[in-house]
Amino acid sequence: DDARLAVEVDGSGHEHPDQARHDMRRTHWLNLRGIAVHRIAARDVLGN
């Protein structure tokens, strides 16, 4: 809340075009409300 930041952990399903479009709409909706979105690949959490 302090940073007004959403952190999303994206698995391989987020690479599908339909999911990517949904993610873009969702990010836009959040941005309009002053919330930034930081996306992290699940494989990065596991490996780095």
All heavy atoms as atom14 arrays in JSON, in Angstrom:
{
  "sequence": "DDARLAVEVDGSGHEHPDQARHDMRRTHWLNLRGIAVHRIAARDVLGN",
  "atom14_mask": [
    [1, 1, 1, 1, 1, 1, 1, 1, 0, 0, 0, 0, 0, 0],
    [1, 1, 1, 1, 1, 1, 1, 1, 0, 0, 0, 0, 0, 0],
    [1, 1, 1, 1, 1, 0, 0, 0, 0, 0, 0, 0, 0, 0],
    [1, 1, 1, 1, 1, 1, 1, 1, 1, 1, 1, 0, 0, 0],
    [1, 1, 1, 1, 1, 1, 1, 1, 0, 0, 0, 0, 0, 0],
    [1, 1, 1, 1, 1, 0, 0, 0, 0, 0, 0, 0, 0, 0],
    [1, 1, 1, 1, 1, 1, 1, 0, 0, 0, 0, 0, 0, 0],
    [1, 1, 1, 1, 1, 1, 1, 1, 1, 0, 0, 0, 0, 0],
    [1, 1, 1, 1, 1, 1, 1, 0, 0, 0, 0, 0, 0, 0],
    [1, 1, 1, 1, 1, 1, 1, 1, 0, 0, 0, 0, 0, 0],
    [1, 1, 1, 1, 0, 0, 0, 0, 0, 0, 0, 0, 0, 0],
    [1, 1, 1, 1, 1, 1, 0, 0, 0, 0, 0, 0, 0, 0],
    [1, 1, 1, 1, 0, 0, 0, 0, 0, 0, 0, 0, 0, 0],
    [1, 1, 1, 1, 1, 1, 1, 1, 1, 1, 0, 0, 0, 0],
    [1, 1, 1, 1, 1, 1, 1, 1, 1, 0, 0, 0, 0, 0],
    [1, 1, 1, 1, 1, 1, 1, 1, 1, 1, 0, 0, 0, 0],
    [1, 1, 1, 1, 1, 1, 1, 0, 0, 0, 0, 0, 0, 0],
    [1, 1, 1, 1, 1, 1, 1, 1, 0, 0, 0, 0, 0, 0],
    [1, 1, 1, 1, 1, 1, 1, 1, 1, 0, 0, 0, 0, 0],
    [1, 1, 1, 1, 1, 0, 0, 0, 0, 0, 0, 0, 0, 0],
    [1, 1, 1, 1, 1, 1, 1, 1, 1, 1, 1, 0, 0, 0],
    [1, 1, 1, 1, 1, 1, 1, 1, 1, 1, 0, 0, 0, 0],
    [1, 1, 1, 1, 1, 1, 1, 1, 0, 0, 0, 0, 0, 0],
    [1, 1, 1, 1, 1, 1, 1, 1, 0, 0, 0, 0, 0, 0],
    [1, 1, 1, 1, 1, 1, 1, 1, 1, 1, 1, 0, 0, 0],
    [1, 1, 1, 1, 1, 1, 1, 1, 1, 1, 1, 0, 0, 0],
    [1, 1, 1, 1, 1, 1, 1, 0, 0, 0, 0, 0, 0, 0],
    [1, 1, 1, 1, 1, 1, 1, 1, 1, 1, 0, 0, 0, 0],
    [1, 1, 1, 1, 1, 1, 1, 1, 1, 1, 1, 1, 1, 1],
    [1, 1, 1, 1, 1, 1, 1, 1, 0, 0, 0, 0, 0, 0],
    [1, 1, 1, 1, 1, 1, 1, 1, 0, 0, 0, 0, 0, 0],
    [1, 1, 1, 1, 1, 1, 1, 1, 0, 0, 0, 0, 0, 0],
    [1, 1, 1, 1, 1, 1, 1, 1, 1, 1, 1, 0, 0, 0],
    [1, 1, 1, 1, 0, 0, 0, 0, 0, 0, 0, 0, 0, 0],
    [1, 1, 1, 1, 1, 1, 1, 1, 0, 0, 0, 0, 0, 0],
    [1, 1, 1, 1, 1, 0, 0, 0, 0, 0, 0, 0, 0, 0],
    [1, 1, 1, 1, 1, 1, 1, 0, 0, 0, 0, 0, 0, 0],
    [1, 1, 1, 1, 1, 1, 1, 1, 1, 1, 0, 0, 0, 0],
    [1, 1, 1, 1, 1, 1, 1, 1, 1, 1, 1, 0, 0, 0],
    [1, 1, 1, 1, 1, 1, 1, 1, 0, 0, 0, 0, 0, 0],
    [1, 1, 1, 1, 1, 0, 0, 0, 0, 0, 0, 0, 0, 0],
    [1, 1, 1, 1, 1, 0, 0, 0, 0, 0, 0, 0, 0, 0],
    [1, 1, 1, 1, 1, 1, 1, 1, 1, 1, 1, 0, 0, 0],
    [1, 1, 1, 1, 1, 1, 1, 1, 0, 0, 0, 0, 0, 0],
    [1, 1, 1, 1, 1, 1, 1, 0, 0, 0, 0, 0, 0, 0],
    [1, 1, 1, 1, 1, 1, 1, 1, 0, 0, 0, 0, 0, 0],
    [1, 1, 1, 1, 0, 0, 0, 0, 0, 0, 0, 0, 0, 0],
    [1, 1, 1, 1, 1, 1, 1, 1, 0, 0, 0, 0, 0, 0]
  ],
  "atom14_positions": [
    [[0.82, -1.21, 0.0], [0.0, 0.0, 0.0], [0.86, 1.27, 0.0], [0.54, 2.24, -0.69], [-0.94, 0.0, 1.21], [-2.02, 1.06, 1.12], [-2.58, 1.25, 0.01], [-2.3, 1.71, 2.13], [0.0, 0.0, 0.0], [0.0, 0.0, 0.0], [0.0, 0.0, 0.0], [0.0, 0.0, 0.0], [0.0, 0.0, 0.0], [0.0, 0.0, 0.0]],
    [[1.96, 1.27, 0.75], [2.82, 2.46, 0.82], [3.35, 2.84, -0.56], [3.45, 4.01, -0.89], [3.99, 2.23, 1.77], [3.55, 2.15, 3.23], [2.45, 2.67, 3.54], [4.28, 1.59, 4.04], [0.0, 0.0, 0.0], [0.0, 0.0, 0.0], [0.0, 0.0, 0.0], [0.0, 0.0, 0.0], [0.0, 0.0, 0.0], [0.0, 0.0, 0.0]],
    [[3.74, 1.84, -1.35], [4.28, 2.1, -2.69], [3.2, 2.07, -3.77], [3.49, 2.35, -4.93], [5.36, 1.07, -3.02], [0.0, 0.0, 0.0], [0.0, 0.0, 0.0], [0.0, 0.0, 0.0], [0.0, 0.0, 0.0], [0.0, 0.0, 0.0], [0.0, 0.0, 0.0], [0.0, 0.0, 0.0], [0.0, 0.0, 0.0], [0.0, 0.0, 0.0]],
    [[1.95, 1.75, -3.38], [0.85, 1.59, -4.34], [1.31, 0.67, -5.48], [1.21, 1.0, -6.65], [0.36, 2.92, -4.89], [-0.01, 3.92, -3.85], [-1.44, 4.22, -3.55], [-2.37, 4.23, -4.65], [-3.59, 3.69, -4.53], [-3.96, 3.12, -3.42], [-4.42, 3.73, -5.54], [0.0, 0.0, 0.0], [0.0, 0.0, 0.0], [0.0, 0.0, 0.0]],
    [[1.84, -0.5, -5.07], [2.45, -1.43, -6.01], [1.83, -2.82, -5.89], [1.81, -3.39, -4.8], [3.96, -1.52, -5.77], [4.73, -2.45, -6.68], [4.77, -1.9, -8.11], [6.14, -2.65, -6.15], [0.0, 0.0, 0.0], [0.0, 0.0, 0.0], [0.0, 0.0, 0.0], [0.0, 0.0, 0.0], [0.0, 0.0, 0.0], [0.0, 0.0, 0.0]],
    [[1.35, -3.33, -7.01], [0.89, -4.72, -7.1], [2.04, -5.56, -7.64], [2.71, -5.15, -8.59], [-0.31, -4.82, -8.04], [0.0, 0.0, 0.0], [0.0, 0.0, 0.0], [0.0, 0.0, 0.0], [0.0, 0.0, 0.0], [0.0, 0.0, 0.0], [0.0, 0.0, 0.0], [0.0, 0.0, 0.0], [0.0, 0.0, 0.0], [0.0, 0.0, 0.0]],
    [[2.29, -6.7, -7.03], [3.33, -7.6, -7.48], [2.65, -8.88, -7.95], [1.94, -9.53, -7.18], [4.34, -7.91, -6.35], [5.4, -8.89, -6.83], [4.97, -6.63, -5.83], [0.0, 0.0, 0.0], [0.0, 0.0, 0.0], [0.0, 0.0, 0.0], [0.0, 0.0, 0.0], [0.0, 0.0, 0.0], [0.0, 0.0, 0.0], [0.0, 0.0, 0.0]],
    [[2.85, -9.21, -9.21], [2.21, -10.38, -9.8], [3.27, -11.41, -10.18], [4.24, -11.08, -10.86], [1.41, -9.98, -11.04], [0.22, -9.1, -10.73], [-0.82, -9.81, -9.88], [-1.18, -10.96, -10.21], [-1.25, -9.22, -8.89], [0.0, 0.0, 0.0], [0.0, 0.0, 0.0], [0.0, 0.0, 0.0], [0.0, 0.0, 0.0], [0.0, 0.0, 0.0]],
    [[3.08, -12.64, -9.72], [3.95, -13.75, -10.08], [3.27, -14.49, -11.22], [2.2, -15.07, -11.03], [4.2, -14.68, -8.87], [5.09, -15.84, -9.27], [4.82, -13.9, -7.71], [0.0, 0.0, 0.0], [0.0, 0.0, 0.0], [0.0, 0.0, 0.0], [0.0, 0.0, 0.0], [0.0, 0.0, 0.0], [0.0, 0.0, 0.0], [0.0, 0.0, 0.0]],
    [[3.88, -14.44, -12.4], [3.27, -14.99, -13.6], [3.89, -16.34, -13.96], [5.09, -16.44, -14.21], [3.46, -14.04, -14.78], [2.69, -12.74, -14.62], [1.78, -12.7, -13.77], [3.0, -11.79, -15.34], [0.0, 0.0, 0.0], [0.0, 0.0, 0.0], [0.0, 0.0, 0.0], [0.0, 0.0, 0.0], [0.0, 0.0, 0.0], [0.0, 0.0, 0.0]],
    [[3.04, -17.36, -14.0], [3.46, -18.67, -14.47], [3.39, -18.73, -15.99], [3.1, -17.73, -16.66], [0.0, 0.0, 0.0], [0.0, 0.0, 0.0], [0.0, 0.0, 0.0], [0.0, 0.0, 0.0], [0.0, 0.0, 0.0], [0.0, 0.0, 0.0], [0.0, 0.0, 0.0], [0.0, 0.0, 0.0], [0.0, 0.0, 0.0], [0.0, 0.0, 0.0]],
    [[3.63, -19.89, -16.55], [3.67, -20.04, -18.01], [2.31, -19.74, -18.66], [2.26, -19.38, -19.83], [4.14, -21.44, -18.39], [3.26, -22.41, -17.86], [0.0, 0.0, 0.0], [0.0, 0.0, 0.0], [0.0, 0.0, 0.0], [0.0, 0.0, 0.0], [0.0, 0.0, 0.0], [0.0, 0.0, 0.0], [0.0, 0.0, 0.0], [0.0, 0.0, 0.0]],
    [[1.23, -19.87, -17.94], [-0.09, -19.58, -18.49], [-0.25, -18.13, -18.92], [-1.07, -17.81, -19.79], [0.0, 0.0, 0.0], [0.0, 0.0, 0.0], [0.0, 0.0, 0.0], [0.0, 0.0, 0.0], [0.0, 0.0, 0.0], [0.0, 0.0, 0.0], [0.0, 0.0, 0.0], [0.0, 0.0, 0.0], [0.0, 0.0, 0.0], [0.0, 0.0, 0.0]],
    [[0.55, -17.24, -18.36], [0.45, -15.82, -18.72], [1.06, -15.52, -20.08], [0.96, -14.41, -20.57], [1.1, -14.96, -17.63], [0.3, -14.92, -16.39], [-0.59, -13.91, -16.11], [0.23, -15.77, -15.34], [-1.17, -14.15, -14.95], [-0.68, -15.27, -14.45], [0.0, 0.0, 0.0], [0.0, 0.0, 0.0], [0.0, 0.0, 0.0], [0.0, 0.0, 0.0]],
    [[1.72, -16.52, -20.69], [2.29, -16.34, -22.02], [1.25, -16.57, -23.12], [1.47, -16.21, -24.26], [3.48, -17.29, -22.2], [4.62, -16.97, -21.25], [5.7, -18.03, -21.24], [5.63, -18.97, -22.06], [6.61, -17.92, -20.41], [0.0, 0.0, 0.0], [0.0, 0.0, 0.0], [0.0, 0.0, 0.0], [0.0, 0.0, 0.0], [0.0, 0.0, 0.0]],
    [[0.11, -17.14, -22.78], [-0.96, -17.38, -23.75], [-1.56, -16.03, -24.16], [-1.77, -15.16, -23.31], [-2.03, -18.27, -23.12], [-3.05, -18.73, -24.09], [-4.16, -17.99, -24.39], [-3.12, -19.85, -24.85], [-4.88, -18.63, -25.29], [-4.27, -19.76, -25.58], [0.0, 0.0, 0.0], [0.0, 0.0, 0.0], [0.0, 0.0, 0.0], [0.0, 0.0, 0.0]],
    [[-1.84, -15.83, -25.45], [-2.34, -14.53, -25.92], [-3.6, -14.04, -25.21], [-3.71, -12.86, -24.89], [-2.61, -14.76, -27.41], [-1.73, -15.89, -27.79], [-1.61, -16.76, -26.57], [0.0, 0.0, 0.0], [0.0, 0.0, 0.0], [0.0, 0.0, 0.0], [0.0, 0.0, 0.0], [0.0, 0.0, 0.0], [0.0, 0.0, 0.0], [0.0, 0.0, 0.0]],
    [[-4.55, -14.94, -24.93], [-5.77, -14.51, -24.23], [-5.45, -14.01, -22.83], [-6.0, -13.01, -22.37], [-6.78, -15.66, -24.16], [-7.38, -15.98, -25.51], [-7.32, -15.12, -26.42], [-7.89, -17.11, -25.68], [0.0, 0.0, 0.0], [0.0, 0.0, 0.0], [0.0, 0.0, 0.0], [0.0, 0.0, 0.0], [0.0, 0.0, 0.0], [0.0, 0.0, 0.0]],
    [[-4.58, -14.72, -22.13], [-4.21, -14.32, -20.77], [-3.41, -13.01, -20.81], [-3.59, -12.16, -19.96], [-3.39, -15.41, -20.07], [-3.07, -15.09, -18.62], [-4.29, -14.95, -17.75], [-5.21, -15.76, -17.82], [-4.33, -13.93, -16.92], [0.0, 0.0, 0.0], [0.0, 0.0, 0.0], [0.0, 0.0, 0.0], [0.0, 0.0, 0.0], [0.0, 0.0, 0.0]],
    [[-2.57, -12.87, -21.8], [-1.78, -11.63, -21.94], [-2.7, -10.43, -22.14], [-2.48, -9.36, -21.56], [-0.79, -11.76, -23.08], [0.0, 0.0, 0.0], [0.0, 0.0, 0.0], [0.0, 0.0, 0.0], [0.0, 0.0, 0.0], [0.0, 0.0, 0.0], [0.0, 0.0, 0.0], [0.0, 0.0, 0.0], [0.0, 0.0, 0.0], [0.0, 0.0, 0.0]],
    [[-3.75, -10.59, -22.94], [-4.71, -9.5, -23.15], [-5.45, -9.18, -21.85], [-5.66, -8.01, -21.51], [-5.71, -9.86, -24.25], [-5.16, -9.65, -25.64], [-6.24, -9.77, -26.71], [-6.75, -11.13, -26.85], [-6.17, -12.1, -27.54], [-5.04, -11.85, -28.19], [-6.7, -13.29, -27.62], [0.0, 0.0, 0.0], [0.0, 0.0, 0.0], [0.0, 0.0, 0.0]],
    [[-5.83, -10.21, -21.12], [-6.5, -10.01, -19.82], [-5.56, -9.27, -18.86], [-5.98, -8.34, -18.16], [-6.91, -11.36, -19.22], [-7.43, -11.24, -17.83], [-8.69, -10.77, -17.54], [-6.85, -11.51, -16.64], [-8.86, -10.76, -16.23], [-7.75, -11.21, -15.66], [0.0, 0.0, 0.0], [0.0, 0.0, 0.0], [0.0, 0.0, 0.0], [0.0, 0.0, 0.0]],
    [[-4.29, -9.67, -18.84], [-3.32, -9.01, -17.97], [-3.17, -7.54, -18.33], [-3.05, -6.68, -17.44], [-1.95, -9.7, -18.05], [-1.94, -11.07, -17.39], [-2.88, -11.39, -16.62], [-1.0, -11.85, -17.66], [0.0, 0.0, 0.0], [0.0, 0.0, 0.0], [0.0, 0.0, 0.0], [0.0, 0.0, 0.0], [0.0, 0.0, 0.0], [0.0, 0.0, 0.0]],
    [[-3.17, -7.22, -19.62], [-3.06, -5.83, -20.06], [-4.27, -5.01, -19.6], [-4.12, -3.88, -19.12], [-2.91, -5.75, -21.58], [-1.52, -6.13, -22.05], [-1.26, -6.16, -23.85], [-2.33, -4.92, -24.47], [0.0, 0.0, 0.0], [0.0, 0.0, 0.0], [0.0, 0.0, 0.0], [0.0, 0.0, 0.0], [0.0, 0.0, 0.0], [0.0, 0.0, 0.0]],
    [[-5.48, -5.58, -19.75], [-6.69, -4.87, -19.29], [-6.63, -4.65, -17.78], [-6.97, -3.57, -17.28], [-7.94, -5.66, -19.66], [-8.35, -5.55, -21.11], [-9.73, -6.13, -21.37], [-9.9, -7.49, -20.9], [-9.61, -8.59, -21.59], [-9.15, -8.48, -22.83], [-9.8, -9.78, -21.08], [0.0, 0.0, 0.0], [0.0, 0.0, 0.0], [0.0, 0.0, 0.0]],
    [[-6.22, -5.66, -17.06], [-6.14, -5.6, -15.61], [-5.11, -4.54, -15.17], [-5.38, -3.74, -14.29], [-5.73, -6.99, -15.1], [-5.65, -7.15, -13.64], [-5.35, -8.64, -13.41], [-5.48, -8.96, -12.04], [-4.46, -9.19, -11.23], [-3.23, -9.13, -11.69], [-4.66, -9.49, -9.97], [0.0, 0.0, 0.0], [0.0, 0.0, 0.0], [0.0, 0.0, 0.0]],
    [[-3.94, -4.55, -15.82], [-2.91, -3.57, -15.5], [-3.42, -2.16, -15.78], [-3.22, -1.24, -14.97], [-1.62, -3.86, -16.31], [-1.12, -5.14, -15.9], [-0.57, -2.79, -16.09], [0.0, 0.0, 0.0], [0.0, 0.0, 0.0], [0.0, 0.0, 0.0], [0.0, 0.0, 0.0], [0.0, 0.0, 0.0], [0.0, 0.0, 0.0], [0.0, 0.0, 0.0]],
    [[-4.09, -1.97, -16.9], [-4.65, -0.66, -17.25], [-5.65, -0.22, -16.18], [-5.62, 0.93, -15.73], [-5.3, -0.72, -18.63], [-5.9, 0.57, -19.06], [-5.15, 1.67, -19.39], [-7.2, 0.95, -19.17], [-5.96, 2.68, -19.7], [-7.21, 2.26, -19.58], [0.0, 0.0, 0.0], [0.0, 0.0, 0.0], [0.0, 0.0, 0.0], [0.0, 0.0, 0.0]],
    [[-6.53, -1.12, -15.76], [-7.54, -0.81, -14.74], [-6.86, -0.39, -13.45], [-7.25, 0.6, -12.82], [-8.44, -2.04, -14.52], [-9.62, -1.78, -13.66], [-10.87, -1.4, -14.05], [-9.69, -1.91, -12.22], [-11.7, -1.28, -12.96], [-10.99, -1.59, -11.83], [-8.78, -2.27, -11.25], [-11.41, -1.61, -10.5], [-9.18, -2.29, -9.91], [-10.49, -1.96, -9.56]],
    [[-5.82, -1.13, -13.04], [-5.11, -0.8, -11.8], [-4.36, 0.53, -11.93], [-4.38, 1.34, -11.01], [-4.14, -1.93, -11.44], [-4.8, -3.24, -10.99], [-3.8, -4.38, -10.99], [-5.46, -3.07, -9.62], [0.0, 0.0, 0.0], [0.0, 0.0, 0.0], [0.0, 0.0, 0.0], [0.0, 0.0, 0.0], [0.0, 0.0, 0.0], [0.0, 0.0, 0.0]],
    [[-3.72, 0.75, -13.09], [-2.99, 2.0, -13.31], [-3.9, 3.21, -13.22], [-3.5, 4.25, -12.68], [-2.27, 2.0, -14.65], [-1.09, 1.06, -14.72], [-0.61, 0.75, -15.81], [-0.6, 0.56, -13.61], [0.0, 0.0, 0.0], [0.0, 0.0, 0.0], [0.0, 0.0, 0.0], [0.0, 0.0, 0.0], [0.0, 0.0, 0.0], [0.0, 0.0, 0.0]],
    [[-5.12, 3.1, -13.74], [-6.08, 4.19, -13.66], [-6.43, 4.53, -12.22], [-6.86, 5.66, -11.93], [-7.36, 3.86, -14.43], [-7.24, 3.86, -15.95], [-8.55, 3.39, -16.58], [-6.85, 5.24, -16.46], [0.0, 0.0, 0.0], [0.0, 0.0, 0.0], [0.0, 0.0, 0.0], [0.0, 0.0, 0.0], [0.0, 0.0, 0.0], [0.0, 0.0, 0.0]],
    [[-6.23, 3.6, -11.32], [-6.52, 3.8, -9.9], [-5.25, 4.08, -9.1], [-5.24, 4.02, -7.87], [-7.27, 2.6, -9.35], [-8.74, 2.65, -9.8], [-9.34, 1.3, -10.07], [-10.68, 1.46, -10.61], [-10.95, 1.61, -11.91], [-9.99, 1.64, -12.79], [-12.2, 1.74, -12.32], [0.0, 0.0, 0.0], [0.0, 0.0, 0.0], [0.0, 0.0, 0.0]],
    [[-4.16, 4.38, -9.81], [-2.93, 4.77, -9.14], [-2.09, 3.62, -8.61], [-1.21, 3.83, -7.78], [0.0, 0.0, 0.0], [0.0, 0.0, 0.0], [0.0, 0.0, 0.0], [0.0, 0.0, 0.0], [0.0, 0.0, 0.0], [0.0, 0.0, 0.0], [0.0, 0.0, 0.0], [0.0, 0.0, 0.0], [0.0, 0.0, 0.0], [0.0, 0.0, 0.0]],
    [[-2.35, 2.4, -9.09], [-1.59, 1.24, -8.64], [-0.69, 0.77, -9.77], [-1.18, 0.43, -10.85], [-2.53, 0.09, -8.2], [-3.41, 0.56, -7.03], [-1.74, -1.16, -7.83], [-4.51, -0.43, -6.65], [0.0, 0.0, 0.0], [0.0, 0.0, 0.0], [0.0, 0.0, 0.0], [0.0, 0.0, 0.0], [0.0, 0.0, 0.0], [0.0, 0.0, 0.0]],
    [[0.62, 0.78, -9.53], [1.58, 0.27, -10.5], [1.63, -1.26, -10.38], [1.33, -1.82, -9.33], [2.95, 0.86, -10.24], [0.0, 0.0, 0.0], [0.0, 0.0, 0.0], [0.0, 0.0, 0.0], [0.0, 0.0, 0.0], [0.0, 0.0, 0.0], [0.0, 0.0, 0.0], [0.0, 0.0, 0.0], [0.0, 0.0, 0.0], [0.0, 0.0, 0.0]],
    [[2.01, -1.92, -11.46], [2.08, -3.38, -11.46], [3.5, -3.81, -11.8], [4.08, -3.35, -12.78], [1.08, -3.98, -12.49], [1.2, -5.5, -12.53], [-0.34, -3.56, -12.15], [0.0, 0.0, 0.0], [0.0, 0.0, 0.0], [0.0, 0.0, 0.0], [0.0, 0.0, 0.0], [0.0, 0.0, 0.0], [0.0, 0.0, 0.0], [0.0, 0.0, 0.0]],
    [[4.04, -4.67, -10.96], [5.39, -5.24, -11.15], [5.21, -6.73, -11.4], [4.76, -7.45, -10.51], [6.23, -4.97, -9.9], [7.64, -5.44, -10.0], [8.61, -4.73, -10.66], [8.25, -6.54, -9.51], [9.76, -5.37, -10.57], [9.57, -6.47, -9.88], [0.0, 0.0, 0.0], [0.0, 0.0, 0.0], [0.0, 0.0, 0.0], [0.0, 0.0, 0.0]],
    [[5.53, -7.19, -12.61], [5.36, -8.6, -12.97], [6.68, -9.34, -12.83], [7.73, -8.85, -13.26], [4.84, -8.72, -14.39], [3.45, -8.16, -14.53], [2.76, -8.61, -15.81], [1.37, -8.26, -15.73], [0.45, -8.96, -15.09], [0.78, -10.07, -14.49], [-0.8, -8.56, -15.05], [0.0, 0.0, 0.0], [0.0, 0.0, 0.0], [0.0, 0.0, 0.0]],
    [[6.59, -10.52, -12.24], [7.75, -11.37, -12.04], [7.42, -12.75, -12.58], [6.37, -13.31, -12.24], [8.09, -11.48, -10.54], [8.36, -10.1, -9.93], [9.27, -12.42, -10.32], [8.44, -10.11, -8.42], [0.0, 0.0, 0.0], [0.0, 0.0, 0.0], [0.0, 0.0, 0.0], [0.0, 0.0, 0.0], [0.0, 0.0, 0.0], [0.0, 0.0, 0.0]],
    [[8.29, -13.29, -13.4], [8.1, -14.65, -13.91], [8.32, -15.65, -12.77], [9.28, -15.51, -11.99], [9.05, -14.93, -15.06], [0.0, 0.0, 0.0], [0.0, 0.0, 0.0], [0.0, 0.0, 0.0], [0.0, 0.0, 0.0], [0.0, 0.0, 0.0], [0.0, 0.0, 0.0], [0.0, 0.0, 0.0], [0.0, 0.0, 0.0], [0.0, 0.0, 0.0]],
    [[7.45, -16.63, -12.68], [7.57, -17.65, -11.63], [8.93, -18.35, -11.71], [9.54, -18.64, -10.68], [6.43, -18.66, -11.76], [0.0, 0.0, 0.0], [0.0, 0.0, 0.0], [0.0, 0.0, 0.0], [0.0, 0.0, 0.0], [0.0, 0.0, 0.0], [0.0, 0.0, 0.0], [0.0, 0.0, 0.0], [0.0, 0.0, 0.0], [0.0, 0.0, 0.0]],
    [[9.42, -18.57, -12.92], [10.72, -19.24, -13.07], [11.84, -18.39, -12.48], [12.84, -18.92, -12.0], [10.99, -19.6, -14.52], [11.19, -18.43, -15.45], [11.43, -18.85, -16.9], [11.29, -17.71, -17.79], [10.15, -17.29, -18.29], [9.03, -17.92, -18.03], [10.12, -16.23, -19.09], [0.0, 0.0, 0.0], [0.0, 0.0, 0.0], [0.0, 0.0, 0.0]],
    [[11.69, -17.06, -12.48], [12.7, -16.19, -11.88], [12.68, -16.29, -10.36], [13.73, -16.25, -9.72], [12.5, -14.74, -12.32], [12.82, -14.52, -13.79], [13.53, -15.37, -14.38], [12.35, -13.52, -14.35], [0.0, 0.0, 0.0], [0.0, 0.0, 0.0], [0.0, 0.0, 0.0], [0.0, 0.0, 0.0], [0.0, 0.0, 0.0], [0.0, 0.0, 0.0]],
    [[11.5, -16.41, -9.78], [11.41, -16.59, -8.33], [12.11, -17.88, -7.94], [12.85, -17.93, -6.95], [9.94, -16.61, -7.85], [9.85, -16.95, -6.37], [9.25, -15.28, -8.13], [0.0, 0.0, 0.0], [0.0, 0.0, 0.0], [0.0, 0.0, 0.0], [0.0, 0.0, 0.0], [0.0, 0.0, 0.0], [0.0, 0.0, 0.0], [0.0, 0.0, 0.0]],
    [[11.91, -18.93, -8.73], [12.5, -20.23, -8.42], [14.0, -20.27, -8.69], [14.74, -20.95, -7.98], [11.8, -21.33, -9.22], [10.32, -21.54, -8.92], [9.71, -22.51, -9.9], [10.13, -22.01, -7.49], [0.0, 0.0, 0.0], [0.0, 0.0, 0.0], [0.0, 0.0, 0.0], [0.0, 0.0, 0.0], [0.0, 0.0, 0.0], [0.0, 0.0, 0.0]],
    [[14.46, -19.53, -9.7], [15.86, -19.64, -10.1], [16.75, -18.47, -9.74], [17.97, -18.6, -9.77], [0.0, 0.0, 0.0], [0.0, 0.0, 0.0], [0.0, 0.0, 0.0], [0.0, 0.0, 0.0], [0.0, 0.0, 0.0], [0.0, 0.0, 0.0], [0.0, 0.0, 0.0], [0.0, 0.0, 0.0], [0.0, 0.0, 0.0], [0.0, 0.0, 0.0]],
    [[16.16, -17.31, -9.41], [16.97, -16.13, -9.14], [16.27, -15.25, -8.11], [16.0, -14.07, -8.37], [17.23, -15.36, -10.44], [18.12, -14.15, -10.23], [18.82, -14.03, -9.23], [18.09, -13.23, -11.19], [0.0, 0.0, 0.0], [0.0, 0.0, 0.0], [0.0, 0.0, 0.0], [0.0, 0.0, 0.0], [0.0, 0.0, 0.0], [0.0, 0.0, 0.0]]
  ]
}
